[in-house]
Amino acid sequence: MEYTSARNLIKQTSTALIWKKVEETWLPSEEVLCCNKFGEIMIGYISKNKDCFYAENDYSLMYDVTHWMELPLPPALDKNKNLKK
């Protein structure tokens, strides 16, 4: 099991969970939280067509994506593999 200090955890969380502007030079390769110009959000993969950036997953397609954010880590589990309260 990997452990991290509280300082590193705060540092990782504060830098990772911020909205990043979609840039043509680099797109995330993993699923991320996506936001379009209307303020709608969804989890998906970002791609680009000739007109705009879009996000897609197995169920939805969203056009005009302007920002993205890494997904947070899931909640911690206790020793019985249940969510900690």
C-alpha atoms as a PDB file:
ATOM      1  CA  MET A   1       0.000   0.000   0.000  1.00  0.00           C
ATOM      2  CA  GLU A   2       1.356   3.418  -0.924  1.00  0.00           C
ATOM      3  CA  TYR A   3       1.230   6.227   1.643  1.00  0.00           C
ATOM      4  CA  THR A   4       1.643   9.944   1.126  1.00  0.00           C
ATOM      5  CA  SER A   5       2.128  12.799   3.546  1.00  0.00           C
ATOM      6  CA  ALA A   6      -0.697  15.227   4.276  1.00  0.00           C
ATOM      7  CA  ARG A   7       1.358  18.027   2.694  1.00  0.00           C
ATOM      8  CA  ASN A   8       1.775  16.044  -0.552  1.00  0.00           C
ATOM      9  CA  LEU A   9      -1.910  15.113  -0.578  1.00  0.00           C
ATOM     10  CA  ILE A  10      -2.959  18.759  -0.176  1.00  0.00           C
ATOM     11  CA  LYS A  11      -0.469  19.796  -2.840  1.00  0.00           C
ATOM     12  CA  GLN A  12      -1.737  17.130  -5.273  1.00  0.00           C
ATOM     13  CA  THR A  13      -5.381  17.970  -4.614  1.00  0.00           C
ATOM     14  CA  SER A  14      -4.991  21.729  -4.871  1.00  0.00           C
ATOM     15  CA  THR A  15      -3.139  21.559  -8.179  1.00  0.00           C
ATOM     16  CA  ALA A  16      -5.039  18.689  -9.789  1.00  0.00           C
ATOM     17  CA  LEU A  17      -8.622  19.766  -9.115  1.00  0.00           C
ATOM     18  CA  ILE A  18      -8.677  23.005 -11.060  1.00  0.00           C
ATOM     19  CA  TRP A  19     -10.292  23.782 -14.401  1.00  0.00           C
ATOM     20  CA  LYS A  20      -7.808  23.834 -17.270  1.00  0.00           C
ATOM     21  CA  LYS A  21      -8.483  25.521 -20.604  1.00  0.00           C
ATOM     22  CA  VAL A  22      -8.629  23.102 -23.539  1.00  0.00           C
ATOM     23  CA  GLU A  23      -5.606  23.645 -25.763  1.00  0.00           C
ATOM     24  CA  GLU A  24      -5.039  22.327 -29.245  1.00  0.00           C
ATOM     25  CA  THR A  25      -1.404  21.522 -28.471  1.00  0.00           C
ATOM     26  CA  TRP A  26      -2.251  19.006 -25.738  1.00  0.00           C
ATOM     27  CA  LEU A  27      -5.406  17.065 -24.878  1.00  0.00           C
ATOM     28  CA  PRO A  28      -5.733  14.671 -21.932  1.00  0.00           C
ATOM     29  CA  SER A  29      -5.718  11.008 -22.935  1.00  0.00           C
ATOM     30  CA  GLU A  30      -7.760   9.817 -19.942  1.00  0.00           C
ATOM     31  CA  GLU A  31     -11.390  10.433 -19.022  1.00  0.00           C
ATOM     32  CA  VAL A  32     -11.819  13.852 -17.419  1.00  0.00           C
ATOM     33  CA  LEU A  33     -14.564  16.179 -16.220  1.00  0.00           C
ATOM     34  CA  CYS A  34     -15.445  18.402 -19.197  1.00  0.00           C
ATOM     35  CA  CYS A  35     -17.252  21.754 -19.337  1.00  0.00           C
ATOM     36  CA  ASN A  36     -18.651  23.412 -22.462  1.00  0.00           C
ATOM     37  CA  LYS A  37     -19.311  27.081 -23.251  1.00  0.00           C
ATOM     38  CA  PHE A  38     -22.839  26.760 -21.809  1.00  0.00           C
ATOM     39  CA  GLY A  39     -21.604  25.565 -18.394  1.00  0.00           C
ATOM     40  CA  GLU A  40     -22.766  21.974 -18.905  1.00  0.00           C
ATOM     41  CA  ILE A  41     -20.461  19.271 -17.520  1.00  0.00           C
ATOM     42  CA  MET A  42     -19.899  15.587 -18.168  1.00  0.00           C
ATOM     43  CA  ILE A  43     -17.215  12.933 -17.777  1.00  0.00           C
ATOM     44  CA  GLY A  44     -15.627  11.934 -21.060  1.00  0.00           C
ATOM     45  CA  TYR A  45     -12.713  11.920 -23.458  1.00  0.00           C
ATOM     46  CA  ILE A  46     -11.880  15.179 -25.258  1.00  0.00           C
ATOM     47  CA  SER A  47     -11.262  15.255 -29.012  1.00  0.00           C
ATOM     48  CA  LYS A  48     -11.250  17.881 -31.738  1.00  0.00           C
ATOM     49  CA  ASN A  49     -13.083  18.033 -35.035  1.00  0.00           C
ATOM     50  CA  LYS A  50     -12.681  20.776 -37.647  1.00  0.00           C
ATOM     51  CA  ASP A  51     -15.072  23.129 -35.809  1.00  0.00           C
ATOM     52  CA  CYS A  52     -14.637  22.625 -32.059  1.00  0.00           C
ATOM     53  CA  PHE A  53     -13.504  20.478 -29.157  1.00  0.00           C
ATOM     54  CA  TYR A  54     -15.988  17.859 -28.011  1.00  0.00           C
ATOM     55  CA  ALA A  55     -16.270  15.264 -25.240  1.00  0.00           C
ATOM     56  CA  GLU A  56     -17.696  11.792 -25.531  1.00  0.00           C
ATOM     57  CA  ASN A  57     -18.282   8.724 -23.419  1.00  0.00           C
ATOM     58  CA  ASP A  58     -20.282   5.526 -23.955  1.00  0.00           C
ATOM     59  CA  TYR A  59     -23.582   7.404 -23.567  1.00  0.00           C
ATOM     60  CA  SER A  60     -23.209  11.071 -24.528  1.00  0.00           C
ATOM     61  CA  LEU A  61     -21.564  13.566 -26.825  1.00  0.00           C
ATOM     62  CA  MET A  62     -21.002  17.212 -25.840  1.00  0.00           C
ATOM     63  CA  TYR A  63     -19.782  19.930 -28.223  1.00  0.00           C
ATOM     64  CA  ASP A  64     -17.985  23.243 -27.607  1.00  0.00           C
ATOM     65  CA  VAL A  65     -15.845  21.978 -24.701  1.00  0.00           C
ATOM     66  CA  THR A  66     -13.751  24.828 -23.316  1.00  0.00           C
ATOM     67  CA  HIS A  67     -12.328  23.463 -20.028  1.00  0.00           C
ATOM     68  CA  TRP A  68     -11.477  20.177 -18.344  1.00  0.00           C
ATOM     69  CA  MET A  69     -10.501  18.919 -14.879  1.00  0.00           C
ATOM     70  CA  GLU A  70      -8.891  15.698 -13.686  1.00  0.00           C
ATOM     71  CA  LEU A  71     -11.259  13.376 -11.858  1.00  0.00           C
ATOM     72  CA  PRO A  72     -10.789  13.240  -8.081  1.00  0.00           C
ATOM     73  CA  LEU A  73      -9.679  10.049  -6.382  1.00  0.00           C
ATOM     74  CA  PRO A  74     -12.503   7.876  -5.036  1.00  0.00           C
ATOM     75  CA  PRO A  75     -13.237   7.974  -1.287  1.00  0.00           C
ATOM     76  CA  ALA A  76     -11.077   5.875   1.003  1.00  0.00           C
ATOM     77  CA  LEU A  77     -12.176   2.363   1.968  1.00  0.00           C
ATOM     78  CA  ASP A  78     -11.953   0.824   5.432  1.00  0.00           C
ATOM     79  CA  LYS A  79     -10.347  -2.574   6.090  1.00  0.00           C
ATOM     80  CA  ASN A  80     -13.618  -4.330   5.096  1.00  0.00           C
ATOM     81  CA  LYS A  81     -13.591  -2.574   1.712  1.00  0.00           C
ATOM     82  CA  ASN A  82     -16.502  -0.297   2.668  1.00  0.00           C
ATOM     83  CA  LEU A  83     -16.508   3.472   2.247  1.00  0.00           C
ATOM     84  CA  LYS A  84     -15.186   5.216   5.346  1.00  0.00           C
ATOM     85  CA  LYS A  85     -17.789   7.260   7.168  1.00  0.00           C
END
